[in-house]
Amino acid sequence: MNSLPTDQIPVLTDIVEPNIGSASAFINDTSRFLGELESHLTAVVHEHADELVHNALREMEALLLEQVSDRLKAELPRLISRVIAEHFRGPGLSN
């Protein structure tokens, strides 16, 4: 366990300050940590946004494919009928 006497253990009411000589090292470490944190957050947020966009595109693509398929299914009989009628009428004949 801890071999320090209880009067040497800092508590939440104690103010703990770094040594004056190590203040610049502390600031450099903090700046480096914040830079790394910012880079990591940026990467994670970008990855998540990219995933959301790709999922939305897949959903829109599926919806669009379903709508086009339904339209084609509805229009296909008339299209086939028109093409057959035009074929048997010949190129010079019209309605």
N, C-alpha and C. Protein backbone atom coordinates (compact mmCIF):
# COMPACT_ATOMS: atom_id res chain seq x y z
N MET A 1 0.82 -1.19 0.00
CA MET A 1 0.00 0.00 0.00
C MET A 1 0.86 1.24 0.00
N ASN A 2 0.30 2.33 0.48
CA ASN A 2 1.01 3.60 0.50
C ASN A 2 1.74 3.76 1.82
N SER A 3 3.05 4.11 1.77
CA SER A 3 3.84 4.25 2.98
C SER A 3 3.95 5.70 3.44
N LEU A 4 3.29 6.64 2.75
CA LEU A 4 3.33 8.04 3.13
C LEU A 4 2.46 8.28 4.36
N PRO A 5 2.94 9.12 5.27
CA PRO A 5 2.06 9.49 6.39
C PRO A 5 0.86 10.26 5.86
N THR A 6 -0.24 10.17 6.53
CA THR A 6 -1.47 10.79 6.04
C THR A 6 -1.39 12.30 5.97
N ASP A 7 -0.50 12.95 6.73
CA ASP A 7 -0.40 14.40 6.65
C ASP A 7 0.35 14.86 5.40
N GLN A 8 0.98 13.96 4.64
CA GLN A 8 1.69 14.32 3.40
C GLN A 8 0.89 13.99 2.14
N ILE A 9 -0.26 13.39 2.28
CA ILE A 9 -1.10 13.05 1.13
C ILE A 9 -1.98 14.25 0.81
N PRO A 10 -1.93 14.78 -0.43
CA PRO A 10 -2.76 15.93 -0.77
C PRO A 10 -4.24 15.55 -0.75
N VAL A 11 -5.05 16.45 -0.32
CA VAL A 11 -6.50 16.25 -0.34
C VAL A 11 -7.10 17.28 -1.27
N LEU A 12 -8.39 17.20 -1.52
CA LEU A 12 -9.03 18.08 -2.51
C LEU A 12 -8.95 19.56 -2.13
N THR A 13 -8.75 19.87 -0.87
CA THR A 13 -8.66 21.28 -0.47
C THR A 13 -7.26 21.84 -0.63
N ASP A 14 -6.26 20.98 -0.83
CA ASP A 14 -4.88 21.44 -1.00
C ASP A 14 -4.66 21.91 -2.43
N ILE A 15 -3.86 22.95 -2.58
CA ILE A 15 -3.49 23.45 -3.90
C ILE A 15 -2.13 22.86 -4.25
N VAL A 16 -2.10 22.14 -5.34
CA VAL A 16 -0.86 21.51 -5.78
C VAL A 16 -0.40 22.24 -7.03
N GLU A 17 0.75 22.84 -6.96
CA GLU A 17 1.28 23.58 -8.10
C GLU A 17 2.58 22.93 -8.55
N PRO A 18 2.82 22.95 -9.86
CA PRO A 18 4.09 22.41 -10.34
C PRO A 18 5.23 23.34 -9.94
N ASN A 19 6.43 22.81 -9.92
CA ASN A 19 7.61 23.62 -9.62
C ASN A 19 7.74 24.71 -10.69
N ILE A 20 8.32 25.85 -10.31
CA ILE A 20 8.47 26.97 -11.24
C ILE A 20 9.30 26.56 -12.44
N GLY A 21 10.34 25.78 -12.24
CA GLY A 21 11.20 25.34 -13.33
C GLY A 21 10.49 24.41 -14.28
N SER A 22 9.51 23.67 -13.80
CA SER A 22 8.82 22.70 -14.67
C SER A 22 7.53 23.27 -15.25
N ALA A 23 7.24 24.56 -15.02
CA ALA A 23 6.01 25.16 -15.52
C ALA A 23 5.97 25.14 -17.05
N SER A 24 7.08 25.47 -17.70
CA SER A 24 7.08 25.48 -19.16
C SER A 24 6.95 24.06 -19.72
N ALA A 25 7.56 23.10 -19.04
CA ALA A 25 7.41 21.70 -19.46
C ALA A 25 5.96 21.26 -19.29
N PHE A 26 5.34 21.70 -18.20
CA PHE A 26 3.93 21.37 -17.95
C PHE A 26 3.05 21.96 -19.05
N ILE A 27 3.32 23.24 -19.41
CA ILE A 27 2.54 23.90 -20.47
C ILE A 27 2.76 23.20 -21.80
N ASN A 28 3.99 22.80 -22.09
CA ASN A 28 4.28 22.08 -23.34
C ASN A 28 3.57 20.74 -23.38
N ASP A 29 3.60 20.03 -22.25
CA ASP A 29 2.91 18.73 -22.18
C ASP A 29 1.41 18.92 -22.37
N THR A 30 0.86 19.96 -21.74
CA THR A 30 -0.57 20.23 -21.86
C THR A 30 -0.92 20.60 -23.30
N SER A 31 -0.11 21.45 -23.91
CA SER A 31 -0.36 21.84 -25.31
C SER A 31 -0.28 20.64 -26.24
N ARG A 32 0.70 19.79 -26.01
CA ARG A 32 0.86 18.59 -26.83
C ARG A 32 -0.36 17.67 -26.65
N PHE A 33 -0.78 17.50 -25.39
CA PHE A 33 -1.94 16.66 -25.10
C PHE A 33 -3.19 17.22 -25.78
N LEU A 34 -3.40 18.53 -25.68
CA LEU A 34 -4.58 19.14 -26.31
C LEU A 34 -4.52 19.02 -27.83
N GLY A 35 -3.34 19.13 -28.41
CA GLY A 35 -3.20 18.95 -29.85
C GLY A 35 -3.53 17.53 -30.28
N GLU A 36 -3.05 16.56 -29.52
CA GLU A 36 -3.35 15.16 -29.82
C GLU A 36 -4.84 14.88 -29.64
N LEU A 37 -5.43 15.45 -28.58
CA LEU A 37 -6.86 15.27 -28.35
C LEU A 37 -7.67 15.88 -29.49
N GLU A 38 -7.28 17.07 -29.93
CA GLU A 38 -7.98 17.71 -31.04
C GLU A 38 -7.88 16.88 -32.31
N SER A 39 -6.69 16.35 -32.60
CA SER A 39 -6.52 15.50 -33.78
C SER A 39 -7.37 14.25 -33.70
N HIS A 40 -7.39 13.64 -32.53
CA HIS A 40 -8.17 12.41 -32.35
C HIS A 40 -9.66 12.70 -32.49
N LEU A 41 -10.14 13.78 -31.85
CA LEU A 41 -11.55 14.14 -31.96
C LEU A 41 -11.93 14.44 -33.40
N THR A 42 -11.07 15.15 -34.10
CA THR A 42 -11.33 15.47 -35.51
C THR A 42 -11.47 14.20 -36.33
N ALA A 43 -10.56 13.26 -36.12
CA ALA A 43 -10.59 12.00 -36.88
C ALA A 43 -11.85 11.21 -36.57
N VAL A 44 -12.20 11.12 -35.28
CA VAL A 44 -13.39 10.34 -34.89
C VAL A 44 -14.67 10.98 -35.42
N VAL A 45 -14.78 12.30 -35.29
CA VAL A 45 -15.98 12.99 -35.78
C VAL A 45 -16.07 12.88 -37.29
N HIS A 46 -14.95 13.04 -37.99
CA HIS A 46 -14.97 12.92 -39.45
C HIS A 46 -15.37 11.51 -39.88
N GLU A 47 -14.85 10.52 -39.21
CA GLU A 47 -15.19 9.13 -39.53
C GLU A 47 -16.68 8.88 -39.31
N HIS A 48 -17.21 9.40 -38.20
CA HIS A 48 -18.64 9.22 -37.91
C HIS A 48 -19.51 9.95 -38.94
N ALA A 49 -19.13 11.18 -39.28
CA ALA A 49 -19.88 11.94 -40.28
C ALA A 49 -19.84 11.23 -41.63
N ASP A 50 -18.68 10.70 -41.98
CA ASP A 50 -18.54 9.96 -43.24
C ASP A 50 -19.46 8.74 -43.25
N GLU A 51 -19.51 8.04 -42.13
CA GLU A 51 -20.38 6.86 -42.02
C GLU A 51 -21.85 7.26 -42.15
N LEU A 52 -22.23 8.37 -41.50
CA LEU A 52 -23.62 8.83 -41.59
C LEU A 52 -23.98 9.20 -43.02
N VAL A 53 -23.08 9.87 -43.72
CA VAL A 53 -23.35 10.26 -45.11
C VAL A 53 -23.49 9.02 -45.99
N HIS A 54 -22.59 8.06 -45.82
CA HIS A 54 -22.67 6.84 -46.64
C HIS A 54 -23.96 6.07 -46.35
N ASN A 55 -24.36 5.99 -45.09
CA ASN A 55 -25.61 5.31 -44.76
C ASN A 55 -26.80 6.04 -45.37
N ALA A 56 -26.80 7.36 -45.30
CA ALA A 56 -27.89 8.14 -45.89
C ALA A 56 -27.94 7.93 -47.40
N LEU A 57 -26.77 7.90 -48.04
CA LEU A 57 -26.74 7.67 -49.50
C LEU A 57 -27.27 6.29 -49.85
N ARG A 58 -26.91 5.28 -49.06
CA ARG A 58 -27.42 3.93 -49.32
C ARG A 58 -28.93 3.88 -49.17
N GLU A 59 -29.46 4.57 -48.14
CA GLU A 59 -30.91 4.60 -47.93
C GLU A 59 -31.60 5.32 -49.08
N MET A 60 -31.04 6.46 -49.53
CA MET A 60 -31.64 7.19 -50.66
C MET A 60 -31.56 6.37 -51.94
N GLU A 61 -30.44 5.68 -52.14
CA GLU A 61 -30.28 4.85 -53.33
C GLU A 61 -31.32 3.72 -53.34
N ALA A 62 -31.54 3.10 -52.18
CA ALA A 62 -32.53 2.02 -52.09
C ALA A 62 -33.92 2.56 -52.37
N LEU A 63 -34.24 3.72 -51.82
CA LEU A 63 -35.56 4.33 -52.05
C LEU A 63 -35.74 4.69 -53.51
N LEU A 64 -34.72 5.28 -54.12
CA LEU A 64 -34.79 5.65 -55.53
C LEU A 64 -34.94 4.42 -56.42
N LEU A 65 -34.19 3.38 -56.12
CA LEU A 65 -34.29 2.14 -56.90
C LEU A 65 -35.70 1.55 -56.79
N GLU A 66 -36.28 1.60 -55.60
CA GLU A 66 -37.64 1.08 -55.41
C GLU A 66 -38.64 1.91 -56.21
N GLN A 67 -38.48 3.25 -56.19
CA GLN A 67 -39.40 4.11 -56.94
C GLN A 67 -39.28 3.89 -58.44
N VAL A 68 -38.06 3.77 -58.95
CA VAL A 68 -37.86 3.53 -60.38
C VAL A 68 -38.41 2.17 -60.77
N SER A 69 -38.18 1.18 -59.94
CA SER A 69 -38.69 -0.16 -60.22
C SER A 69 -40.22 -0.17 -60.26
N ASP A 70 -40.85 0.54 -59.32
CA ASP A 70 -42.32 0.62 -59.31
C ASP A 70 -42.84 1.33 -60.55
N ARG A 71 -42.16 2.42 -60.94
CA ARG A 71 -42.58 3.14 -62.17
C ARG A 71 -42.43 2.26 -63.40
N LEU A 72 -41.30 1.56 -63.48
CA LEU A 72 -41.07 0.69 -64.63
C LEU A 72 -42.12 -0.42 -64.67
N LYS A 73 -42.43 -0.98 -63.52
CA LYS A 73 -43.44 -2.03 -63.45
C LYS A 73 -44.79 -1.50 -63.93
N ALA A 74 -45.11 -0.27 -63.57
CA ALA A 74 -46.39 0.31 -63.98
C ALA A 74 -46.40 0.67 -65.46
N GLU A 75 -45.29 1.16 -65.99
CA GLU A 75 -45.25 1.63 -67.38
C GLU A 75 -44.88 0.55 -68.39
N LEU A 76 -44.31 -0.55 -67.94
CA LEU A 76 -43.82 -1.58 -68.85
C LEU A 76 -44.92 -2.17 -69.74
N PRO A 77 -46.10 -2.50 -69.24
CA PRO A 77 -47.12 -3.06 -70.15
C PRO A 77 -47.49 -2.10 -71.29
N ARG A 78 -47.66 -0.81 -70.98
CA ARG A 78 -47.99 0.17 -72.04
C ARG A 78 -46.84 0.31 -73.03
N LEU A 79 -45.61 0.31 -72.52
CA LEU A 79 -44.44 0.44 -73.38
C LEU A 79 -44.34 -0.75 -74.33
N ILE A 80 -44.53 -1.95 -73.80
CA ILE A 80 -44.46 -3.16 -74.64
C ILE A 80 -45.57 -3.14 -75.68
N SER A 81 -46.76 -2.76 -75.26
CA SER A 81 -47.89 -2.70 -76.19
C SER A 81 -47.63 -1.70 -77.30
N ARG A 82 -47.11 -0.52 -76.96
CA ARG A 82 -46.82 0.50 -77.96
C ARG A 82 -45.73 0.05 -78.94
N VAL A 83 -44.68 -0.57 -78.44
CA VAL A 83 -43.59 -1.02 -79.30
C VAL A 83 -44.09 -2.11 -80.26
N ILE A 84 -44.89 -3.04 -79.75
CA ILE A 84 -45.42 -4.11 -80.61
C ILE A 84 -46.33 -3.52 -81.69
N ALA A 85 -47.20 -2.59 -81.28
CA ALA A 85 -48.12 -1.97 -82.25
C ALA A 85 -47.34 -1.22 -83.32
N GLU A 86 -46.33 -0.45 -82.91
CA GLU A 86 -45.52 0.29 -83.89
C GLU A 86 -44.77 -0.66 -84.81
N HIS A 87 -44.34 -1.76 -84.31
CA HIS A 87 -43.58 -2.71 -85.11
C HIS A 87 -44.45 -3.31 -86.22
N PHE A 88 -45.67 -3.69 -85.85
CA PHE A 88 -46.53 -4.35 -86.83
C PHE A 88 -47.21 -3.36 -87.77
N ARG A 89 -47.30 -2.09 -87.42
CA ARG A 89 -47.85 -1.07 -88.30
C ARG A 89 -46.88 -0.73 -89.42
N GLY A 90 -45.62 -0.88 -89.14
CA GLY A 90 -44.62 -0.56 -90.14
C GLY A 90 -44.14 0.88 -89.98
N PRO A 91 -43.04 1.20 -90.65
CA PRO A 91 -42.45 2.53 -90.48
C PRO A 91 -43.26 3.65 -91.11
N GLY A 92 -44.01 3.40 -92.16
CA GLY A 92 -44.74 4.47 -92.87
C GLY A 92 -46.14 4.69 -92.33
N LEU A 93 -46.65 3.84 -91.49
CA LEU A 93 -48.03 3.96 -91.01
C LEU A 93 -48.04 4.65 -89.63
N SER A 94 -49.08 5.45 -89.42
CA SER A 94 -49.23 6.10 -88.10
C SER A 94 -50.69 6.10 -87.74
N ASN A 95 -51.04 6.55 -86.52
CA ASN A 95 -52.44 6.57 -86.05
C ASN A 95 -53.26 7.52 -86.84
